């Protein structure tokens, strides 16, 4: 699910998780202008991908909240 500030990923299995994360980071990378991307794992099946001023432009950083 795409919101204005984030892409929310609800995965049902490993394969769908990987595909959704790749697509989310690709979409955000195309729109990035001055910030990097932060991918946050909230649970084993729930993730968000957002722009972050704490991540250097051109980079993707992961944050695991488990």
PDB file of N, CA and C in Angstrom:
ATOM      1  N   UNK A   1       0.847  -1.162   0.000  1.00  0.00           N
ATOM      2  CA  UNK A   1       0.000   0.000   0.000  1.00  0.00           C
ATOM      3  C   UNK A   1       0.897   1.230   0.000  1.00  0.00           C
ATOM      4  N   UNK A   2       0.618   2.169  -0.883  1.00  0.00           N
ATOM      5  CA  UNK A   2       1.409   3.387  -1.009  1.00  0.00           C
ATOM      6  C   UNK A   2       0.647   4.551  -0.397  1.00  0.00           C
ATOM      7  N   UNK A   3       1.251   5.206   0.561  1.00  0.00           N
ATOM      8  CA  UNK A   3       0.705   6.450   1.090  1.00  0.00           C
ATOM      9  C   UNK A   3       1.611   7.563   0.601  1.00  0.00           C
ATOM     10  N   UNK A   4       1.304   8.776   0.958  1.00  0.00           N
ATOM     11  CA  UNK A   4       2.121   9.895   0.490  1.00  0.00           C
ATOM     12  C   UNK A   4       3.547   9.829   1.024  1.00  0.00           C
ATOM     13  N   UNK A   5       3.714   9.346   2.250  1.00  0.00           N
ATOM     14  CA  UNK A   5       5.025   9.357   2.886  1.00  0.00           C
ATOM     15  C   UNK A   5       5.683   7.994   3.016  1.00  0.00           C
ATOM     16  N   UNK A   6       4.922   6.928   2.807  1.00  0.00           N
ATOM     17  CA  UNK A   6       5.474   5.601   3.071  1.00  0.00           C
ATOM     18  C   UNK A   6       4.816   4.548   2.199  1.00  0.00           C
ATOM     19  N   UNK A   7       5.549   3.466   2.031  1.00  0.00           N
ATOM     20  CA  UNK A   7       4.988   2.273   1.413  1.00  0.00           C
ATOM     21  C   UNK A   7       4.871   1.247   2.522  1.00  0.00           C
ATOM     22  N   UNK A   8       3.669   0.754   2.728  1.00  0.00           N
ATOM     23  CA  UNK A   8       3.398  -0.227   3.776  1.00  0.00           C
ATOM     24  C   UNK A   8       3.348  -1.600   3.138  1.00  0.00           C
ATOM     25  N   UNK A   9       4.079  -2.526   3.706  1.00  0.00           N
ATOM     26  CA  UNK A   9       4.195  -3.878   3.157  1.00  0.00           C
ATOM     27  C   UNK A   9       3.665  -4.870   4.183  1.00  0.00           C
ATOM     28  N   UNK A  10       2.702  -5.662   3.761  1.00  0.00           N
ATOM     29  CA  UNK A  10       2.173  -6.761   4.570  1.00  0.00           C
ATOM     30  C   UNK A  10       2.448  -8.047   3.799  1.00  0.00           C
ATOM     31  N   UNK A  11       3.397  -8.812   4.253  1.00  0.00           N
ATOM     32  CA  UNK A  11       3.832 -10.014   3.538  1.00  0.00           C
ATOM     33  C   UNK A  11       3.164 -11.258   4.109  1.00  0.00           C
ATOM     34  N   UNK A  12       2.851 -12.177   3.221  1.00  0.00           N
ATOM     35  CA  UNK A  12       2.239 -13.439   3.637  1.00  0.00           C
ATOM     36  C   UNK A  12       3.227 -14.595   3.620  1.00  0.00           C
ATOM     37  N   UNK A  13       4.322 -14.399   2.898  1.00  0.00           N
ATOM     38  CA  UNK A  13       5.375 -15.412   2.846  1.00  0.00           C
ATOM     39  C   UNK A  13       6.677 -14.742   2.433  1.00  0.00           C
ATOM     40  N   UNK A  14       7.763 -15.482   2.504  1.00  0.00           N
ATOM     41  CA  UNK A  14       9.088 -14.914   2.231  1.00  0.00           C
ATOM     42  C   UNK A  14       9.204 -14.377   0.803  1.00  0.00           C
ATOM     43  N   UNK A  15       8.681 -15.112  -0.151  1.00  0.00           N
ATOM     44  CA  UNK A  15       8.787 -14.692  -1.551  1.00  0.00           C
ATOM     45  C   UNK A  15       8.046 -13.376  -1.792  1.00  0.00           C
ATOM     46  N   UNK A  16       6.828 -13.268  -1.280  1.00  0.00           N
ATOM     47  CA  UNK A  16       6.072 -12.029  -1.488  1.00  0.00           C
ATOM     48  C   UNK A  16       6.722 -10.873  -0.728  1.00  0.00           C
ATOM     49  N   UNK A  17       7.277 -11.153   0.430  1.00  0.00           N
ATOM     50  CA  UNK A  17       7.979 -10.119   1.191  1.00  0.00           C
ATOM     51  C   UNK A  17       9.138  -9.563   0.385  1.00  0.00           C
ATOM     52  N   UNK A  18       9.964 -10.449  -0.147  1.00  0.00           N
ATOM     53  CA  UNK A  18      11.131 -10.009  -0.903  1.00  0.00           C
ATOM     54  C   UNK A  18      10.736  -9.204  -2.135  1.00  0.00           C
ATOM     55  N   UNK A  19       9.720  -9.669  -2.861  1.00  0.00           N
ATOM     56  CA  UNK A  19       9.263  -8.940  -4.052  1.00  0.00           C
ATOM     57  C   UNK A  19       8.716  -7.570  -3.692  1.00  0.00           C
ATOM     58  N   UNK A  20       7.927  -7.498  -2.638  1.00  0.00           N
ATOM     59  CA  UNK A  20       7.339  -6.222  -2.226  1.00  0.00           C
ATOM     60  C   UNK A  20       8.412  -5.245  -1.735  1.00  0.00           C
ATOM     61  N   UNK A  21       9.397  -5.730  -0.995  1.00  0.00           N
ATOM     62  CA  UNK A  21      10.469  -4.859  -0.529  1.00  0.00           C
ATOM     63  C   UNK A  21      11.305  -4.336  -1.693  1.00  0.00           C
ATOM     64  N   UNK A  22      11.592  -5.188  -2.663  1.00  0.00           N
ATOM     65  CA  UNK A  22      12.342  -4.754  -3.845  1.00  0.00           C
ATOM     66  C   UNK A  22      11.573  -3.699  -4.622  1.00  0.00           C
ATOM     67  N   UNK A  23      10.278  -3.923  -4.813  1.00  0.00           N
ATOM     68  CA  UNK A  23       9.447  -2.972  -5.547  1.00  0.00           C
ATOM     69  C   UNK A  23       9.337  -1.647  -4.793  1.00  0.00           C
ATOM     70  N   UNK A  24       9.165  -1.711  -3.484  1.00  0.00           N
ATOM     71  CA  UNK A  24       9.056  -0.493  -2.675  1.00  0.00           C
ATOM     72  C   UNK A  24      10.333   0.340  -2.759  1.00  0.00           C
ATOM     73  N   UNK A  25      11.476  -0.292  -2.607  1.00  0.00           N
ATOM     74  CA  UNK A  25      12.733   0.467  -2.662  1.00  0.00           C
ATOM     75  C   UNK A  25      12.997   0.984  -4.070  1.00  0.00           C
ATOM     76  N   UNK A  26      12.583   0.256  -5.086  1.00  0.00           N
ATOM     77  CA  UNK A  26      12.732   0.732  -6.466  1.00  0.00           C
ATOM     78  C   UNK A  26      11.888   1.981  -6.692  1.00  0.00           C
ATOM     79  N   UNK A  27      10.617   1.928  -6.261  1.00  0.00           N
ATOM     80  CA  UNK A  27       9.721   3.075  -6.431  1.00  0.00           C
ATOM     81  C   UNK A  27      10.241   4.306  -5.699  1.00  0.00           C
ATOM     82  N   UNK A  28      10.670   4.124  -4.461  1.00  0.00           N
ATOM     83  CA  UNK A  28      11.185   5.257  -3.698  1.00  0.00           C
ATOM     84  C   UNK A  28      12.492   5.782  -4.288  1.00  0.00           C
ATOM     85  N   UNK A  29      13.352   4.892  -4.761  1.00  0.00           N
ATOM     86  CA  UNK A  29      14.624   5.319  -5.362  1.00  0.00           C
ATOM     87  C   UNK A  29      14.394   6.208  -6.574  1.00  0.00           C
ATOM     88  N   UNK A  30      13.347   5.915  -7.328  1.00  0.00           N
ATOM     89  CA  UNK A  30      13.028   6.725  -8.512  1.00  0.00           C
ATOM     90  C   UNK A  30      12.587   8.132  -8.130  1.00  0.00           C
ATOM     91  N   UNK A  31      12.022   8.299  -6.942  1.00  0.00           N
ATOM     92  CA  UNK A  31      11.520   9.601  -6.500  1.00  0.00           C
ATOM     93  C   UNK A  31      12.485  10.344  -5.579  1.00  0.00           C
ATOM     94  N   UNK A  32      13.517   9.677  -5.116  1.00  0.00           N
ATOM     95  CA  UNK A  32      14.449  10.289  -4.167  1.00  0.00           C
ATOM     96  C   UNK A  32      15.200  11.445  -4.816  1.00  0.00           C
ATOM     97  N   UNK A  33      15.333  12.527  -4.066  1.00  0.00           N
ATOM     98  CA  UNK A  33      16.084  13.679  -4.563  1.00  0.00           C
ATOM     99  C   UNK A  33      17.211  14.092  -3.627  1.00  0.00           C
ATOM    100  N   UNK A  34      17.014  13.931  -2.323  1.00  0.00           N
ATOM    101  CA  UNK A  34      18.040  14.391  -1.391  1.00  0.00           C
ATOM    102  C   UNK A  34      18.101  13.576  -0.105  1.00  0.00           C
ATOM    103  N   UNK A  35      17.345  12.512  -0.031  1.00  0.00           N
ATOM    104  CA  UNK A  35      17.320  11.670   1.174  1.00  0.00           C
ATOM    105  C   UNK A  35      17.456  10.211   0.777  1.00  0.00           C
ATOM    106  N   UNK A  36      17.851   9.410   1.740  1.00  0.00           N
ATOM    107  CA  UNK A  36      17.912   7.980   1.523  1.00  0.00           C
ATOM    108  C   UNK A  36      16.600   7.319   1.905  1.00  0.00           C
ATOM    109  N   UNK A  37      16.618   5.989   1.923  1.00  0.00           N
ATOM    110  CA  UNK A  37      15.419   5.211   2.202  1.00  0.00           C
ATOM    111  C   UNK A  37      15.646   4.400   3.468  1.00  0.00           C
ATOM    112  N   UNK A  38      14.648   4.421   4.333  1.00  0.00           N
ATOM    113  CA  UNK A  38      14.678   3.637   5.557  1.00  0.00           C
ATOM    114  C   UNK A  38      13.591   2.571   5.464  1.00  0.00           C
ATOM    115  N   UNK A  39      14.000   1.302   5.580  1.00  0.00           N
ATOM    116  CA  UNK A  39      13.063   0.182   5.600  1.00  0.00           C
ATOM    117  C   UNK A  39      12.992  -0.326   7.031  1.00  0.00           C
ATOM    118  N   UNK A  40      11.802  -0.304   7.600  1.00  0.00           N
ATOM    119  CA  UNK A  40      11.613  -0.687   9.000  1.00  0.00           C
ATOM    120  C   UNK A  40      10.771  -1.949   9.088  1.00  0.00           C
ATOM    121  N   UNK A  41      11.280  -2.921   9.836  1.00  0.00           N
ATOM    122  CA  UNK A  41      10.501  -4.142  10.090  1.00  0.00           C
ATOM    123  C   UNK A  41       9.802  -3.968  11.427  1.00  0.00           C
ATOM    124  N   UNK A  42       8.468  -4.019  11.380  1.00  0.00           N
ATOM    125  CA  UNK A  42       7.648  -3.860  12.584  1.00  0.00           C
ATOM    126  C   UNK A  42       7.279  -5.207  13.190  1.00  0.00           C
ATOM    127  N   UNK A  43       7.157  -6.212  12.343  1.00  0.00           N
ATOM    128  CA  UNK A  43       6.865  -7.581  12.778  1.00  0.00           C
ATOM    129  C   UNK A  43       7.412  -8.505  11.708  1.00  0.00           C
ATOM    130  N   UNK A  44       7.168  -9.792  11.847  1.00  0.00           N
ATOM    131  CA  UNK A  44       7.680 -10.736  10.851  1.00  0.00           C
ATOM    132  C   UNK A  44       7.007 -10.560   9.492  1.00  0.00           C
ATOM    133  N   UNK A  45       5.856  -9.909   9.454  1.00  0.00           N
ATOM    134  CA  UNK A  45       5.125  -9.747   8.199  1.00  0.00           C
ATOM    135  C   UNK A  45       4.841  -8.298   7.828  1.00  0.00           C
ATOM    136  N   UNK A  46       5.211  -7.340   8.671  1.00  0.00           N
ATOM    137  CA  UNK A  46       4.859  -5.943   8.442  1.00  0.00           C
ATOM    138  C   UNK A  46       6.108  -5.059   8.354  1.00  0.00           C
ATOM    139  N   UNK A  47       6.176  -4.269   7.282  1.00  0.00           N
ATOM    140  CA  UNK A  47       7.319  -3.401   7.009  1.00  0.00           C
ATOM    141  C   UNK A  47       6.818  -2.059   6.497  1.00  0.00           C
ATOM    142  N   UNK A  48       7.624  -1.010   6.653  1.00  0.00           N
ATOM    143  CA  UNK A  48       7.392   0.253   5.968  1.00  0.00           C
ATOM    144  C   UNK A  48       8.689   0.672   5.289  1.00  0.00           C
ATOM    145  N   UNK A  49       8.542   1.342   4.172  1.00  0.00           N
ATOM    146  CA  UNK A  49       9.673   1.914   3.455  1.00  0.00           C
ATOM    147  C   UNK A  49       9.372   3.400   3.285  1.00  0.00           C
ATOM    148  N   UNK A  50      10.272   4.255   3.768  1.00  0.00           N
ATOM    149  CA  UNK A  50      10.063   5.697   3.741  1.00  0.00           C
ATOM    150  C   UNK A  50      11.351   6.421   3.385  1.00  0.00           C
ATOM    151  N   UNK A  51      11.203   7.686   2.979  1.00  0.00           N
ATOM    152  CA  UNK A  51      12.366   8.546   2.846  1.00  0.00           C
ATOM    153  C   UNK A  51      12.819   8.947   4.237  1.00  0.00           C
ATOM    154  N   UNK A  52      14.129   9.111   4.420  1.00  0.00           N
ATOM    155  CA  UNK A  52      14.641   9.524   5.720  1.00  0.00           C
ATOM    156  C   UNK A  52      15.819  10.470   5.534  1.00  0.00           C
ATOM    157  N   UNK A  53      15.744  11.614   6.218  1.00  0.00           N
ATOM    158  CA  UNK A  53      16.865  12.551   6.174  1.00  0.00           C
ATOM    159  C   UNK A  53      18.054  12.032   6.983  1.00  0.00           C
ATOM    160  N   UNK A  54      17.835  10.991   7.772  1.00  0.00           N
ATOM    161  CA  UNK A  54      18.923  10.375   8.549  1.00  0.00           C
ATOM    162  C   UNK A  54      19.725   9.373   7.726  1.00  0.00           C
ATOM    163  N   UNK A  55      19.249   9.071   6.519  1.00  0.00           N
ATOM    164  CA  UNK A  55      19.931   8.123   5.637  1.00  0.00           C
ATOM    165  C   UNK A  55      20.493   8.914   4.458  1.00  0.00           C
ATOM    166  N   UNK A  56      21.751   8.697   4.184  1.00  0.00           N
ATOM    167  CA  UNK A  56      22.423   9.417   3.102  1.00  0.00           C
ATOM    168  C   UNK A  56      21.758   9.118   1.758  1.00  0.00           C
ATOM    169  N   UNK A  57      21.647  10.162   0.939  1.00  0.00           N
ATOM    170  CA  UNK A  57      21.061  10.023  -0.400  1.00  0.00           C
ATOM    171  C   UNK A  57      21.758   8.891  -1.163  1.00  0.00           C
ATOM    172  N   UNK A  58      20.967   8.055  -1.810  1.00  0.00           N
ATOM    173  CA  UNK A  58      21.506   6.953  -2.588  1.00  0.00           C
ATOM    174  C   UNK A  58      21.675   5.670  -1.787  1.00  0.00           C
ATOM    175  N   UNK A  59      21.373   5.717  -0.486  1.00  0.00           N
ATOM    176  CA  UNK A  59      21.542   4.555   0.380  1.00  0.00           C
ATOM    177  C   UNK A  59      20.195   4.057   0.896  1.00  0.00           C
ATOM    178  N   UNK A  60      20.177   2.791   1.261  1.00  0.00           N
ATOM    179  CA  UNK A  60      19.015   2.174   1.906  1.00  0.00           C
ATOM    180  C   UNK A  60      19.493   1.609   3.236  1.00  0.00           C
ATOM    181  N   UNK A  61      18.790   1.977   4.300  1.00  0.00           N
ATOM    182  CA  UNK A  61      19.140   1.503   5.628  1.00  0.00           C
ATOM    183  C   UNK A  61      17.958   0.692   6.176  1.00  0.00           C
ATOM    184  N   UNK A  62      18.277  -0.352   6.935  1.00  0.00           N
ATOM    185  CA  UNK A  62      17.247  -1.186   7.535  1.00  0.00           C
ATOM    186  C   UNK A  62      17.209  -0.946   9.038  1.00  0.00           C
ATOM    187  N   UNK A  63      15.997  -0.961   9.582  1.00  0.00           N
ATOM    188  CA  UNK A  63      15.790  -0.837  11.022  1.00  0.00           C
ATOM    189  C   UNK A  63      14.867  -1.976  11.446  1.00  0.00           C
ATOM    190  N   UNK A  64      15.303  -2.780  12.374  1.00  0.00           N
ATOM    191  CA  UNK A  64      14.545  -3.940  12.843  1.00  0.00           C
ATOM    192  C   UNK A  64      14.002  -3.627  14.234  1.00  0.00           C
ATOM    193  N   UNK A  65      12.698  -3.525  14.359  1.00  0.00           N
ATOM    194  CA  UNK A  65      12.079  -3.204  15.650  1.00  0.00           C
ATOM    195  C   UNK A  65      11.684  -4.446  16.441  1.00  0.00           C
ATOM    196  N   UNK A  66      12.084  -5.617  15.987  1.00  0.00           N
ATOM    197  CA  UNK A  66      11.774  -6.841  16.730  1.00  0.00           C
ATOM    198  C   UNK A  66      12.744  -7.063  17.857  1.00  0.00           C
TER     199      UNK A  66
END
